[in-house]
PDB file of N, CA and C in Angstrom:
ATOM      1  N   UNK A   1     -18.498-168.704 227.912  1.00  0.00           N
ATOM      2  CA  UNK A   1     -18.742-169.320 229.201  1.00  0.00           C
ATOM      3  C   UNK A   1     -17.780-168.765 230.256  1.00  0.00           C
ATOM      4  N   UNK A   2     -16.508-168.581 229.852  1.00  0.00           N
ATOM      5  CA  UNK A   2     -15.530-168.038 230.791  1.00  0.00           C
ATOM      6  C   UNK A   2     -15.924-166.632 231.221  1.00  0.00           C
ATOM      7  N   UNK A   3     -16.445-165.856 230.284  1.00  0.00           N
ATOM      8  CA  UNK A   3     -16.840-164.480 230.583  1.00  0.00           C
ATOM      9  C   UNK A   3     -17.986-164.462 231.590  1.00  0.00           C
ATOM     10  N   UNK A   4     -18.955-165.330 231.416  1.00  0.00           N
ATOM     11  CA  UNK A   4     -20.093-165.412 232.336  1.00  0.00           C
ATOM     12  C   UNK A   4     -19.611-165.832 233.727  1.00  0.00           C
ATOM     13  N   UNK A   5     -18.713-166.810 233.775  1.00  0.00           N
ATOM     14  CA  UNK A   5     -18.170-167.268 235.051  1.00  0.00           C
ATOM     15  C   UNK A   5     -17.402-166.138 235.740  1.00  0.00           C
ATOM     16  N   UNK A   6     -16.632-165.384 234.991  1.00  0.00           N
ATOM     17  CA  UNK A   6     -15.877-164.257 235.546  1.00  0.00           C
ATOM     18  C   UNK A   6     -16.805-163.207 236.120  1.00  0.00           C
ATOM     19  N   UNK A   7     -17.898-162.904 235.407  1.00  0.00           N
ATOM     20  CA  UNK A   7     -18.856-161.917 235.892  1.00  0.00           C
ATOM     21  C   UNK A   7     -19.525-162.381 237.183  1.00  0.00           C
ATOM     22  N   UNK A   8     -19.902-163.658 237.226  1.00  0.00           N
ATOM     23  CA  UNK A   8     -20.525-164.201 238.440  1.00  0.00           C
ATOM     24  C   UNK A   8     -19.528-164.152 239.595  1.00  0.00           C
ATOM     25  N   UNK A   9     -18.289-164.538 239.349  1.00  0.00           N
ATOM     26  CA  UNK A   9     -17.260-164.519 240.395  1.00  0.00           C
ATOM     27  C   UNK A   9     -17.033-163.099 240.904  1.00  0.00           C
ATOM     28  N   UNK A  10     -16.956-162.126 240.011  1.00  0.00           N
ATOM     29  CA  UNK A  10     -16.741-160.733 240.413  1.00  0.00           C
ATOM     30  C   UNK A  10     -17.916-160.225 241.241  1.00  0.00           C
ATOM     31  N   UNK A  11     -19.149-160.589 240.848  1.00  0.00           N
ATOM     32  CA  UNK A  11     -20.324-160.175 241.601  1.00  0.00           C
ATOM     33  C   UNK A  11     -20.300-160.760 243.009  1.00  0.00           C
ATOM     34  N   UNK A  12     -19.988-162.045 243.127  1.00  0.00           N
ATOM     35  CA  UNK A  12     -19.928-162.689 244.443  1.00  0.00           C
ATOM     36  C   UNK A  12     -18.829-162.089 245.312  1.00  0.00           C
ATOM     37  N   UNK A  13     -17.683-161.815 244.718  1.00  0.00           N
ATOM     38  CA  UNK A  13     -16.583-161.203 245.469  1.00  0.00           C
ATOM     39  C   UNK A  13     -16.977-159.826 245.968  1.00  0.00           C
ATOM     40  N   UNK A  14     -17.644-159.048 245.136  1.00  0.00           N
ATOM     41  CA  UNK A  14     -18.107-157.717 245.538  1.00  0.00           C
ATOM     42  C   UNK A  14     -19.134-157.818 246.665  1.00  0.00           C
ATOM     43  N   UNK A  15     -20.050-158.763 246.544  1.00  0.00           N
ATOM     44  CA  UNK A  15     -21.083-158.939 247.578  1.00  0.00           C
ATOM     45  C   UNK A  15     -20.443-159.314 248.916  1.00  0.00           C
ATOM     46  N   UNK A  16     -19.475-160.208 248.898  1.00  0.00           N
ATOM     47  CA  UNK A  16     -18.780-160.595 250.133  1.00  0.00           C
ATOM     48  C   UNK A  16     -18.008-159.421 250.718  1.00  0.00           C
ATOM     49  N   UNK A  17     -17.407-158.628 249.875  1.00  0.00           N
ATOM     50  CA  UNK A  17     -16.665-157.455 250.338  1.00  0.00           C
ATOM     51  C   UNK A  17     -17.605-156.471 251.018  1.00  0.00           C
ATOM     52  N   UNK A  18     -18.779-156.241 250.455  1.00  0.00           N
ATOM     53  CA  UNK A  18     -19.733-155.300 251.026  1.00  0.00           C
ATOM     54  C   UNK A  18     -20.259-155.804 252.367  1.00  0.00           C
ATOM     55  N   UNK A  19     -20.496-157.096 252.493  1.00  0.00           N
ATOM     56  CA  UNK A  19     -20.964-157.655 253.756  1.00  0.00           C
ATOM     57  C   UNK A  19     -19.868-157.519 254.812  1.00  0.00           C
ATOM     58  N   UNK A  20     -18.640-157.718 254.433  1.00  0.00           N
ATOM     59  CA  UNK A  20     -17.518-157.647 255.366  1.00  0.00           C
ATOM     60  C   UNK A  20     -17.199-156.242 255.829  1.00  0.00           C
ATOM     61  N   UNK A  21     -17.694-155.214 255.159  1.00  0.00           N
ATOM     62  CA  UNK A  21     -17.379-153.834 255.518  1.00  0.00           C
ATOM     63  C   UNK A  21     -18.116-153.358 256.757  1.00  0.00           C
ATOM     64  N   UNK A  22     -19.265-153.920 257.041  1.00  0.00           N
ATOM     65  CA  UNK A  22     -20.060-153.489 258.180  1.00  0.00           C
ATOM     66  C   UNK A  22     -19.505-154.115 259.453  1.00  0.00           C
ATOM     67  N   UNK A  23     -19.324-153.271 260.492  1.00  0.00           N
ATOM     68  CA  UNK A  23     -18.837-153.774 261.770  1.00  0.00           C
ATOM     69  C   UNK A  23     -19.909-154.613 262.442  1.00  0.00           C
ATOM     70  N   UNK A  24     -19.475-155.612 263.191  1.00  0.00           N
ATOM     71  CA  UNK A  24     -20.400-156.441 263.950  1.00  0.00           C
ATOM     72  C   UNK A  24     -20.894-155.666 265.166  1.00  0.00           C
ATOM     73  N   UNK A  25     -21.991-156.098 265.778  1.00  0.00           N
ATOM     74  CA  UNK A  25     -22.453-155.431 266.990  1.00  0.00           C
ATOM     75  C   UNK A  25     -21.388-155.396 268.090  1.00  0.00           C
ATOM     76  N   UNK A  26     -20.643-156.477 268.267  1.00  0.00           N
ATOM     77  CA  UNK A  26     -19.591-156.502 269.292  1.00  0.00           C
ATOM     78  C   UNK A  26     -18.500-155.474 268.993  1.00  0.00           C
ATOM     79  N   UNK A  27     -18.103-155.366 267.740  1.00  0.00           N
ATOM     80  CA  UNK A  27     -17.061-154.413 267.356  1.00  0.00           C
ATOM     81  C   UNK A  27     -17.521-152.986 267.636  1.00  0.00           C
ATOM     82  N   UNK A  28     -18.760-152.679 267.276  1.00  0.00           N
ATOM     83  CA  UNK A  28     -19.301-151.342 267.515  1.00  0.00           C
ATOM     84  C   UNK A  28     -19.380-151.069 269.012  1.00  0.00           C
ATOM     85  N   UNK A  29     -19.842-152.045 269.775  1.00  0.00           N
ATOM     86  CA  UNK A  29     -19.954-151.874 271.226  1.00  0.00           C
ATOM     87  C   UNK A  29     -18.587-151.592 271.845  1.00  0.00           C
ATOM     88  N   UNK A  30     -17.567-152.296 271.394  1.00  0.00           N
ATOM     89  CA  UNK A  30     -16.208-152.081 271.937  1.00  0.00           C
ATOM     90  C   UNK A  30     -15.686-150.698 271.565  1.00  0.00           C
ATOM     91  N   UNK A  31     -15.916-150.260 270.335  1.00  0.00           N
ATOM     92  CA  UNK A  31     -15.475-148.926 269.918  1.00  0.00           C
ATOM     93  C   UNK A  31     -16.199-147.846 270.722  1.00  0.00           C
ATOM     94  N   UNK A  32     -17.465-148.068 270.988  1.00  0.00           N
ATOM     95  CA  UNK A  32     -18.272-147.126 271.766  1.00  0.00           C
ATOM     96  C   UNK A  32     -17.732-147.024 273.204  1.00  0.00           C
ATOM     97  N   UNK A  33     -17.506-148.149 273.836  1.00  0.00           N
ATOM     98  CA  UNK A  33     -16.996-148.171 275.211  1.00  0.00           C
ATOM     99  C   UNK A  33     -15.616-147.527 275.273  1.00  0.00           C
ATOM    100  N   UNK A  34     -14.772-147.808 274.301  1.00  0.00           N
ATOM    101  CA  UNK A  34     -13.429-147.217 274.245  1.00  0.00           C
ATOM    102  C   UNK A  34     -13.521-145.693 274.151  1.00  0.00           C
ATOM    103  N   UNK A  35     -14.406-145.194 273.290  1.00  0.00           N
ATOM    104  CA  UNK A  35     -14.563-143.743 273.113  1.00  0.00           C
ATOM    105  C   UNK A  35     -15.042-143.092 274.402  1.00  0.00           C
ATOM    106  N   UNK A  36     -16.037-143.688 275.056  1.00  0.00           N
ATOM    107  CA  UNK A  36     -16.531-143.119 276.316  1.00  0.00           C
ATOM    108  C   UNK A  36     -15.448-143.137 277.390  1.00  0.00           C
ATOM    109  N   UNK A  37     -14.680-144.206 277.432  1.00  0.00           N
ATOM    110  CA  UNK A  37     -13.601-144.300 278.416  1.00  0.00           C
ATOM    111  C   UNK A  37     -12.580-143.193 278.217  1.00  0.00           C
ATOM    112  N   UNK A  38     -12.372-142.813 276.962  1.00  0.00           N
ATOM    113  CA  UNK A  38     -11.433-141.736 276.645  1.00  0.00           C
ATOM    114  C   UNK A  38     -12.075-140.357 276.792  1.00  0.00           C
ATOM    115  N   UNK A  39     -13.378-140.323 277.103  1.00  0.00           N
ATOM    116  CA  UNK A  39     -14.085-139.052 277.214  1.00  0.00           C
ATOM    117  C   UNK A  39     -14.315-138.384 275.873  1.00  0.00           C
ATOM    118  N   UNK A  40     -14.260-139.161 274.798  1.00  0.00           N
ATOM    119  CA  UNK A  40     -14.403-138.636 273.435  1.00  0.00           C
ATOM    120  C   UNK A  40     -15.852-138.761 272.976  1.00  0.00           C
ATOM    121  N   UNK A  41     -16.636-137.733 273.262  1.00  0.00           N
ATOM    122  CA  UNK A  41     -18.065-137.738 272.956  1.00  0.00           C
ATOM    123  C   UNK A  41     -18.313-137.824 271.448  1.00  0.00           C
ATOM    124  N   UNK A  42     -17.550-137.079 270.673  1.00  0.00           N
ATOM    125  CA  UNK A  42     -17.740-137.108 269.209  1.00  0.00           C
ATOM    126  C   UNK A  42     -17.549-138.508 268.653  1.00  0.00           C
ATOM    127  N   UNK A  43     -16.536-139.200 269.141  1.00  0.00           N
ATOM    128  CA  UNK A  43     -16.277-140.568 268.677  1.00  0.00           C
ATOM    129  C   UNK A  43     -17.392-141.504 269.143  1.00  0.00           C
ATOM    130  N   UNK A  44     -17.823-141.357 270.388  1.00  0.00           N
ATOM    131  CA  UNK A  44     -18.921-142.187 270.905  1.00  0.00           C
ATOM    132  C   UNK A  44     -20.190-141.952 270.095  1.00  0.00           C
ATOM    133  N   UNK A  45     -20.426-140.715 269.682  1.00  0.00           N
ATOM    134  CA  UNK A  45     -21.609-140.395 268.888  1.00  0.00           C
ATOM    135  C   UNK A  45     -21.608-141.110 267.541  1.00  0.00           C
ATOM    136  N   UNK A  46     -20.437-141.392 267.002  1.00  0.00           N
ATOM    137  CA  UNK A  46     -20.343-142.110 265.718  1.00  0.00           C
ATOM    138  C   UNK A  46     -20.902-143.522 265.838  1.00  0.00           C
ATOM    139  N   UNK A  47     -20.832-144.083 267.046  1.00  0.00           N
ATOM    140  CA  UNK A  47     -21.231-145.470 267.267  1.00  0.00           C
ATOM    141  C   UNK A  47     -22.553-145.589 268.020  1.00  0.00           C
ATOM    142  N   UNK A  48     -23.326-144.497 268.082  1.00  0.00           N
ATOM    143  CA  UNK A  48     -24.592-144.535 268.802  1.00  0.00           C
ATOM    144  C   UNK A  48     -25.667-143.764 268.044  1.00  0.00           C
ATOM    145  N   UNK A  49     -26.915-144.067 268.398  1.00  0.00           N
ATOM    146  CA  UNK A  49     -28.040-143.378 267.769  1.00  0.00           C
ATOM    147  C   UNK A  49     -28.138-141.964 268.316  1.00  0.00           C
ATOM    148  N   UNK A  50     -28.861-141.114 267.599  1.00  0.00           N
ATOM    149  CA  UNK A  50     -28.968-139.712 268.001  1.00  0.00           C
ATOM    150  C   UNK A  50     -29.620-139.560 269.370  1.00  0.00           C
ATOM    151  N   UNK A  51     -30.538-140.431 269.723  1.00  0.00           N
ATOM    152  CA  UNK A  51     -31.175-140.294 271.035  1.00  0.00           C
ATOM    153  C   UNK A  51     -30.263-140.739 272.173  1.00  0.00           C
ATOM    154  N   UNK A  52     -29.141-141.340 271.853  1.00  0.00           N
ATOM    155  CA  UNK A  52     -28.163-141.751 272.858  1.00  0.00           C
ATOM    156  C   UNK A  52     -27.100-140.675 273.077  1.00  0.00           C
ATOM    157  N   UNK A  53     -27.011-139.709 272.190  1.00  0.00           N
ATOM    158  CA  UNK A  53     -25.947-138.702 272.247  1.00  0.00           C
ATOM    159  C   UNK A  53     -25.931-137.924 273.559  1.00  0.00           C
ATOM    160  N   UNK A  54     -27.084-137.561 274.109  1.00  0.00           N
ATOM    161  CA  UNK A  54     -27.116-136.829 275.381  1.00  0.00           C
ATOM    162  C   UNK A  54     -26.525-137.682 276.497  1.00  0.00           C
ATOM    163  N   UNK A  55     -26.798-138.963 276.473  1.00  0.00           N
ATOM    164  CA  UNK A  55     -26.236-139.885 277.464  1.00  0.00           C
ATOM    165  C   UNK A  55     -24.718-139.951 277.321  1.00  0.00           C
ATOM    166  N   UNK A  56     -24.222-139.914 276.088  1.00  0.00           N
ATOM    167  CA  UNK A  56     -22.778-139.951 275.860  1.00  0.00           C
ATOM    168  C   UNK A  56     -22.103-138.756 276.517  1.00  0.00           C
ATOM    169  N   UNK A  57     -22.682-137.578 276.338  1.00  0.00           N
ATOM    170  CA  UNK A  57     -22.125-136.379 276.946  1.00  0.00           C
ATOM    171  C   UNK A  57     -22.112-136.471 278.459  1.00  0.00           C
ATOM    172  N   UNK A  58     -23.191-136.994 279.040  1.00  0.00           N
ATOM    173  CA  UNK A  58     -23.269-137.148 280.492  1.00  0.00           C
ATOM    174  C   UNK A  58     -22.215-138.131 280.992  1.00  0.00           C
ATOM    175  N   UNK A  59     -22.094-139.282 280.318  1.00  0.00           N
ATOM    176  CA  UNK A  59     -21.125-140.294 280.733  1.00  0.00           C
ATOM    177  C   UNK A  59     -19.702-139.759 280.646  1.00  0.00           C
ATOM    178  N   UNK A  60     -19.384-139.070 279.561  1.00  0.00           N
ATOM    179  CA  UNK A  60     -18.034-138.511 279.397  1.00  0.00           C
ATOM    180  C   UNK A  60     -17.752-137.458 280.463  1.00  0.00           C
ATOM    181  N   UNK A  61     -18.771-136.639 280.803  1.00  0.00           N
ATOM    182  CA  UNK A  61     -18.551-135.614 281.830  1.00  0.00           C
ATOM    183  C   UNK A  61     -18.331-136.246 283.193  1.00  0.00           C
ATOM    184  N   UNK A  62     -18.990-137.359 283.475  1.00  0.00           N
ATOM    185  CA  UNK A  62     -18.787-138.055 284.753  1.00  0.00           C
ATOM    186  C   UNK A  62     -17.378-138.646 284.827  1.00  0.00           C
ATOM    187  N   UNK A  63     -16.899-139.177 283.710  1.00  0.00           N
ATOM    188  CA  UNK A  63     -15.533-139.718 283.666  1.00  0.00           C
ATOM    189  C   UNK A  63     -14.535-138.593 283.886  1.00  0.00           C
ATOM    190  N   UNK A  64     -14.751-137.462 283.196  1.00  0.00           N
ATOM    191  CA  UNK A  64     -13.853-136.312 283.354  1.00  0.00           C
ATOM    192  C   UNK A  64     -13.911-135.753 284.769  1.00  0.00           C
ATOM    193  N   UNK A  65     -15.092-135.735 285.379  1.00  0.00           N
ATOM    194  CA  UNK A  65     -15.231-135.245 286.749  1.00  0.00           C
ATOM    195  C   UNK A  65     -14.418-136.109 287.702  1.00  0.00           C
ATOM    196  N   UNK A  66     -14.513-137.415 287.541  1.00  0.00           N
ATOM    197  CA  UNK A  66     -13.731-138.325 288.373  1.00  0.00           C
ATOM    198  C   UNK A  66     -12.241-138.103 288.209  1.00  0.00           C
ATOM    199  N   UNK A  67     -11.814-137.888 286.964  1.00  0.00           N
ATOM    200  CA  UNK A  67     -10.398-137.621 286.703  1.00  0.00           C
ATOM    201  C   UNK A  67      -9.963-136.311 287.345  1.00  0.00           C
ATOM    202  N   UNK A  68     -10.802-135.274 287.239  1.00  0.00           N
ATOM    203  CA  UNK A  68     -10.466-133.959 287.785  1.00  0.00           C
ATOM    204  C   UNK A  68     -10.437-133.948 289.307  1.00  0.00           C
ATOM    205  N   UNK A  69     -11.218-134.828 289.928  1.00  0.00           N
ATOM    206  CA  UNK A  69     -11.222-134.904 291.388  1.00  0.00           C
ATOM    207  C   UNK A  69     -10.087-135.770 291.911  1.00  0.00           C
ATOM    208  N   UNK A  70      -9.311-136.315 290.987  1.00  0.00           N
ATOM    209  CA  UNK A  70      -8.162-137.124 291.374  1.00  0.00           C
ATOM    210  C   UNK A  70      -8.529-138.516 291.850  1.00  0.00           C
ATOM    211  N   UNK A  71      -9.723-138.971 291.495  1.00  0.00           N
ATOM    212  CA  UNK A  71     -10.122-140.311 291.898  1.00  0.00           C
ATOM    213  C   UNK A  71      -9.299-141.333 291.135  1.00  0.00           C
ATOM    214  N   UNK A  72      -8.921-142.386 291.830  1.00  0.00           N
ATOM    215  CA  UNK A  72      -8.202-143.478 291.187  1.00  0.00           C
ATOM    216  C   UNK A  72      -9.237-144.415 290.585  1.00  0.00           C
ATOM    217  N   UNK A  73      -9.597-144.135 289.366  1.00  0.00           N
ATOM    218  CA  UNK A  73     -10.648-144.915 288.722  1.00  0.00           C
ATOM    219  C   UNK A  73     -10.105-146.159 288.027  1.00  0.00           C
ATOM    220  N   UNK A  74      -8.803-146.314 287.952  1.00  0.00           N
ATOM    221  CA  UNK A  74      -8.189-147.463 287.274  1.00  0.00           C
ATOM    222  C   UNK A  74      -8.847-147.693 285.923  1.00  0.00           C
ATOM    223  N   UNK A  75      -8.921-146.604 285.141  1.00  0.00           N
ATOM    224  CA  UNK A  75      -9.616-146.660 283.858  1.00  0.00           C
ATOM    225  C   UNK A  75      -9.083-147.752 282.952  1.00  0.00           C
ATOM    226  N   UNK A  76      -7.771-147.937 282.912  1.00  0.00           N
ATOM    227  CA  UNK A  76      -7.233-148.907 281.964  1.00  0.00           C
ATOM    228  C   UNK A  76      -7.675-150.326 282.310  1.00  0.00           C
ATOM    229  N   UNK A  77      -7.685-150.684 283.582  1.00  0.00           N
ATOM    230  CA  UNK A  77      -8.113-152.037 283.941  1.00  0.00           C
ATOM    231  C   UNK A  77      -9.623-152.178 283.804  1.00  0.00           C
ATOM    232  N   UNK A  78     -10.386-151.117 284.149  1.00  0.00           N
ATOM    233  CA  UNK A  78     -11.834-151.157 283.969  1.00  0.00           C
ATOM    234  C   UNK A  78     -12.188-151.276 282.491  1.00  0.00           C
ATOM    235  N   UNK A  79     -11.481-150.528 281.653  1.00  0.00           N
ATOM    236  CA  UNK A  79     -11.724-150.580 280.217  1.00  0.00           C
ATOM    237  C   UNK A  79     -11.411-151.967 279.678  1.00  0.00           C
ATOM    238  N   UNK A  80     -10.278-152.504 280.072  1.00  0.00           N
ATOM    239  CA  UNK A  80      -9.891-153.834 279.599  1.00  0.00           C
ATOM    240  C   UNK A  80     -10.933-154.873 280.003  1.00  0.00           C
ATOM    241  N   UNK A  81     -11.398-154.778 281.239  1.00  0.00           N
ATOM    242  CA  UNK A  81     -12.420-155.710 281.725  1.00  0.00           C
ATOM    243  C   UNK A  81     -13.720-155.547 280.942  1.00  0.00           C
ATOM    244  N   UNK A  82     -14.111-154.286 280.693  1.00  0.00           N
ATOM    245  CA  UNK A  82     -15.337-154.028 279.938  1.00  0.00           C
ATOM    246  C   UNK A  82     -15.257-154.554 278.512  1.00  0.00           C
ATOM    247  N   UNK A  83     -14.112-154.374 277.881  1.00  0.00           N
ATOM    248  CA  UNK A  83     -13.936-154.860 276.512  1.00  0.00           C
ATOM    249  C   UNK A  83     -13.929-156.389 276.470  1.00  0.00           C
ATOM    250  N   UNK A  84     -13.328-157.018 277.487  1.00  0.00           N
ATOM    251  CA  UNK A  84     -13.332-158.481 277.552  1.00  0.00           C
ATOM    252  C   UNK A  84     -14.748-159.010 277.779  1.00  0.00           C
ATOM    253  N   UNK A  85     -15.533-158.305 278.605  1.00  0.00           N
ATOM    254  CA  UNK A  85     -16.926-158.701 278.819  1.00  0.00           C
ATOM    255  C   UNK A  85     -17.686-158.708 277.500  1.00  0.00           C
ATOM    256  N   UNK A  86     -17.477-157.664 276.709  1.00  0.00           N
ATOM    257  CA  UNK A  86     -18.168-157.585 275.414  1.00  0.00           C
ATOM    258  C   UNK A  86     -17.680-158.694 274.493  1.00  0.00           C
ATOM    259  N   UNK A  87     -16.384-158.921 274.472  1.00  0.00           N
ATOM    260  CA  UNK A  87     -15.820-159.960 273.599  1.00  0.00           C
ATOM    261  C   UNK A  87     -16.386-161.338 273.930  1.00  0.00           C
ATOM    262  N   UNK A  88     -16.592-161.610 275.216  1.00  0.00           N
ATOM    263  CA  UNK A  88     -17.075-162.925 275.649  1.00  0.00           C
ATOM    264  C   UNK A  88     -18.595-162.991 275.753  1.00  0.00           C
ATOM    265  N   UNK A  89     -19.271-161.922 275.399  1.00  0.00           N
ATOM    266  CA  UNK A  89     -20.719-161.842 275.556  1.00  0.00           C
ATOM    267  C   UNK A  89     -21.460-162.653 274.505  1.00  0.00           C
ATOM    268  N   UNK A  90     -22.698-162.937 274.848  1.00  0.00           N
ATOM    269  CA  UNK A  90     -23.619-163.596 273.925  1.00  0.00           C
ATOM    270  C   UNK A  90     -24.373-162.508 273.182  1.00  0.00           C
ATOM    271  N   UNK A  91     -24.495-162.655 271.868  1.00  0.00           N
ATOM    272  CA  UNK A  91     -25.196-161.669 271.040  1.00  0.00           C
ATOM    273  C   UNK A  91     -26.421-162.325 270.416  1.00  0.00           C
ATOM    274  N   UNK A  92     -27.553-161.636 270.554  1.00  0.00           N
ATOM    275  CA  UNK A  92     -28.778-162.071 269.886  1.00  0.00           C
ATOM    276  C   UNK A  92     -29.156-160.996 268.882  1.00  0.00           C
ATOM    277  N   UNK A  93     -29.312-161.401 267.631  1.00  0.00           N
ATOM    278  CA  UNK A  93     -29.704-160.460 266.578  1.00  0.00           C
ATOM    279  C   UNK A  93     -31.072-160.864 266.076  1.00  0.00           C
ATOM    280  N   UNK A  94     -31.990-159.908 266.097  1.00  0.00           N
ATOM    281  CA  UNK A  94     -33.345-160.121 265.600  1.00  0.00           C
ATOM    282  C   UNK A  94     -33.653-158.981 264.634  1.00  0.00           C
ATOM    283  N   UNK A  95     -33.408-159.205 263.359  1.00  0.00           N
ATOM    284  CA  UNK A  95     -33.625-158.173 262.350  1.00  0.00           C
ATOM    285  C   UNK A  95     -32.644-157.031 262.522  1.00  0.00           C
ATOM    286  N   UNK A  96     -33.165-155.840 262.821  1.00  0.00           N
ATOM    287  CA  UNK A  96     -32.329-154.654 262.963  1.00  0.00           C
ATOM    288  C   UNK A  96     -32.011-154.321 264.414  1.00  0.00           C
ATOM    289  N   UNK A  97     -32.194-155.273 265.313  1.00  0.00           N
ATOM    290  CA  UNK A  97     -31.899-155.063 266.732  1.00  0.00           C
ATOM    291  C   UNK A  97     -30.967-156.167 267.211  1.00  0.00           C
ATOM    292  N   UNK A  98     -29.901-155.748 267.905  1.00  0.00           N
ATOM    293  CA  UNK A  98     -28.970-156.709 268.501  1.00  0.00           C
ATOM    294  C   UNK A  98     -28.911-156.449 270.004  1.00  0.00           C
ATOM    295  N   UNK A  99     -28.826-157.514 270.771  1.00  0.00           N
ATOM    296  CA  UNK A  99     -28.681-157.407 272.216  1.00  0.00           C
ATOM    297  C   UNK A  99     -27.410-158.148 272.606  1.00  0.00           C
ATOM    298  N   UNK A 100     -26.573-157.447 273.384  1.00  0.00           N
ATOM    299  CA  UNK A 100     -25.317-158.036 273.842  1.00  0.00           C
ATOM    300  C   UNK A 100     -25.453-158.308 275.336  1.00  0.00           C
ATOM    301  N   UNK A 101     -25.445-159.582 275.691  1.00  0.00           N
ATOM    302  CA  UNK A 101     -25.571-160.010 277.083  1.00  0.00           C
ATOM    303  C   UNK A 101     -24.179-160.329 277.626  1.00  0.00           C
ATOM    304  N   UNK A 102     -23.644-159.432 278.463  1.00  0.00           N
ATOM    305  CA  UNK A 102     -22.277-159.627 278.945  1.00  0.00           C
ATOM    306  C   UNK A 102     -22.205-160.335 280.287  1.00  0.00           C
ATOM    307  N   UNK A 103     -23.161-160.097 281.168  1.00  0.00           N
ATOM    308  CA  UNK A 103     -23.159-160.747 282.483  1.00  0.00           C
ATOM    309  C   UNK A 103     -24.571-161.173 282.835  1.00  0.00           C
ATOM    310  N   UNK A 104     -24.657-162.281 283.554  1.00  0.00           N
ATOM    311  CA  UNK A 104     -25.946-162.773 284.014  1.00  0.00           C
ATOM    312  C   UNK A 104     -26.596-161.742 284.930  1.00  0.00           C
ATOM    313  N   UNK A 105     -27.853-161.446 284.694  1.00  0.00           N
ATOM    314  CA  UNK A 105     -28.582-160.510 285.524  1.00  0.00           C
ATOM    315  C   UNK A 105     -28.377-159.048 285.154  1.00  0.00           C
ATOM    316  N   UNK A 106     -27.470-158.775 284.243  1.00  0.00           N
ATOM    317  CA  UNK A 106     -27.201-157.401 283.806  1.00  0.00           C
ATOM    318  C   UNK A 106     -28.001-157.134 282.538  1.00  0.00           C
ATOM    319  N   UNK A 107     -28.588-155.936 282.454  1.00  0.00           N
ATOM    320  CA  UNK A 107     -29.337-155.589 281.245  1.00  0.00           C
ATOM    321  C   UNK A 107     -28.420-155.635 280.030  1.00  0.00           C
ATOM    322  N   UNK A 108     -28.943-156.098 278.901  1.00  0.00           N
ATOM    323  CA  UNK A 108     -28.103-156.166 277.697  1.00  0.00           C
ATOM    324  C   UNK A 108     -27.848-154.790 277.113  1.00  0.00           C
ATOM    325  N   UNK A 109     -26.764-154.674 276.362  1.00  0.00           N
ATOM    326  CA  UNK A 109     -26.503-153.477 275.572  1.00  0.00           C
ATOM    327  C   UNK A 109     -27.312-153.651 274.288  1.00  0.00           C
ATOM    328  N   UNK A 110     -28.060-152.613 273.929  1.00  0.00           N
ATOM    329  CA  UNK A 110     -28.930-152.668 272.754  1.00  0.00           C
ATOM    330  C   UNK A 110     -28.272-151.915 271.604  1.00  0.00           C
ATOM    331  N   UNK A 111     -28.266-152.527 270.432  1.00  0.00           N
ATOM    332  CA  UNK A 111     -27.788-151.869 269.221  1.00  0.00           C
ATOM    333  C   UNK A 111     -28.875-151.980 268.170  1.00  0.00           C
ATOM    334  N   UNK A 112     -28.997-150.934 267.367  1.00  0.00           N
ATOM    335  CA  UNK A 112     -29.963-150.935 266.277  1.00  0.00           C
ATOM    336  C   UNK A 112     -29.245-150.609 264.987  1.00  0.00           C
ATOM    337  N   UNK A 113     -29.739-151.183 263.914  1.00  0.00           N
ATOM    338  CA  UNK A 113     -29.163-150.897 262.610  1.00  0.00           C
ATOM    339  C   UNK A 113     -29.756-149.601 262.076  1.00  0.00           C
ATOM    340  N   UNK A 114     -28.878-148.663 261.743  1.00  0.00           N
ATOM    341  CA  UNK A 114     -29.275-147.379 261.183  1.00  0.00           C
ATOM    342  C   UNK A 114     -28.516-147.208 259.877  1.00  0.00           C
ATOM    343  N   UNK A 115     -29.247-147.139 258.784  1.00  0.00           N
ATOM    344  CA  UNK A 115     -28.634-147.020 257.450  1.00  0.00           C
ATOM    345  C   UNK A 115     -27.564-148.084 257.218  1.00  0.00           C
ATOM    346  N   UNK A 116     -27.829-149.300 257.683  1.00  0.00           N
ATOM    347  CA  UNK A 116     -26.921-150.416 257.456  1.00  0.00           C
ATOM    348  C   UNK A 116     -25.796-150.551 258.463  1.00  0.00           C
ATOM    349  N   UNK A 117     -25.692-149.632 259.430  1.00  0.00           N
ATOM    350  CA  UNK A 117     -24.623-149.683 260.438  1.00  0.00           C
ATOM    351  C   UNK A 117     -25.216-149.917 261.815  1.00  0.00           C
ATOM    352  N   UNK A 118     -24.548-150.741 262.624  1.00  0.00           N
ATOM    353  CA  UNK A 118     -24.973-150.963 264.000  1.00  0.00           C
ATOM    354  C   UNK A 118     -24.632-149.744 264.836  1.00  0.00           C
ATOM    355  N   UNK A 119     -25.582-149.332 265.696  1.00  0.00           N
ATOM    356  CA  UNK A 119     -25.414-148.181 266.583  1.00  0.00           C
ATOM    357  C   UNK A 119     -25.925-148.557 267.972  1.00  0.00           C
ATOM    358  N   UNK A 120     -25.187-148.154 269.003  1.00  0.00           N
ATOM    359  CA  UNK A 120     -25.629-148.358 270.375  1.00  0.00           C
ATOM    360  C   UNK A 120     -26.856-147.485 270.591  1.00  0.00           C
ATOM    361  N   UNK A 121     -27.852-148.044 271.265  1.00  0.00           N
ATOM    362  CA  UNK A 121     -29.108-147.326 271.467  1.00  0.00           C
ATOM    363  C   UNK A 121     -29.565-147.501 272.915  1.00  0.00           C
ATOM    364  N   UNK A 122     -30.355-146.557 273.375  1.00  0.00           N
ATOM    365  CA  UNK A 122     -30.976-146.708 274.685  1.00  0.00           C
ATOM    366  C   UNK A 122     -32.395-147.186 274.451  1.00  0.00           C
ATOM    367  N   UNK A 123     -32.793-148.140 275.225  1.00  0.00           N
ATOM    368  CA  UNK A 123     -34.141-148.696 275.058  1.00  0.00           C
ATOM    369  C   UNK A 123     -35.106-147.896 275.900  1.00  0.00           C
ATOM    370  N   UNK A 124     -36.256-147.623 275.347  1.00  0.00           N
ATOM    371  CA  UNK A 124     -37.290-146.859 276.069  1.00  0.00           C
ATOM    372  C   UNK A 124     -37.920-147.709 277.136  1.00  0.00           C
TER     373      UNK A 124
END
């Protein structure tokens, strides 16, 4: 009986560990925003679907252009505000699609599950 209980306990512990390994939609969204803010396209691509990758390159180039023109973009305060918006946002998950609503009247950030991982996606 002890052996059976041990096996069941080990299975449940493993299952909980596997569920805990996947990042939440909010966590992925924050990592994505952080990467874009840093102009790190490769890192942003890790947290987005393949059809979003071209957008990542464009966004990073716009950030770099602003930096090169000497614009005072206050990236650190904008980034902090953006991350706080995501943290305080409402998340709706419907199967393999998550929507993050950060501000009233603003379109939600869309994430889709790809091979078990949440990825930022652009909606058609």
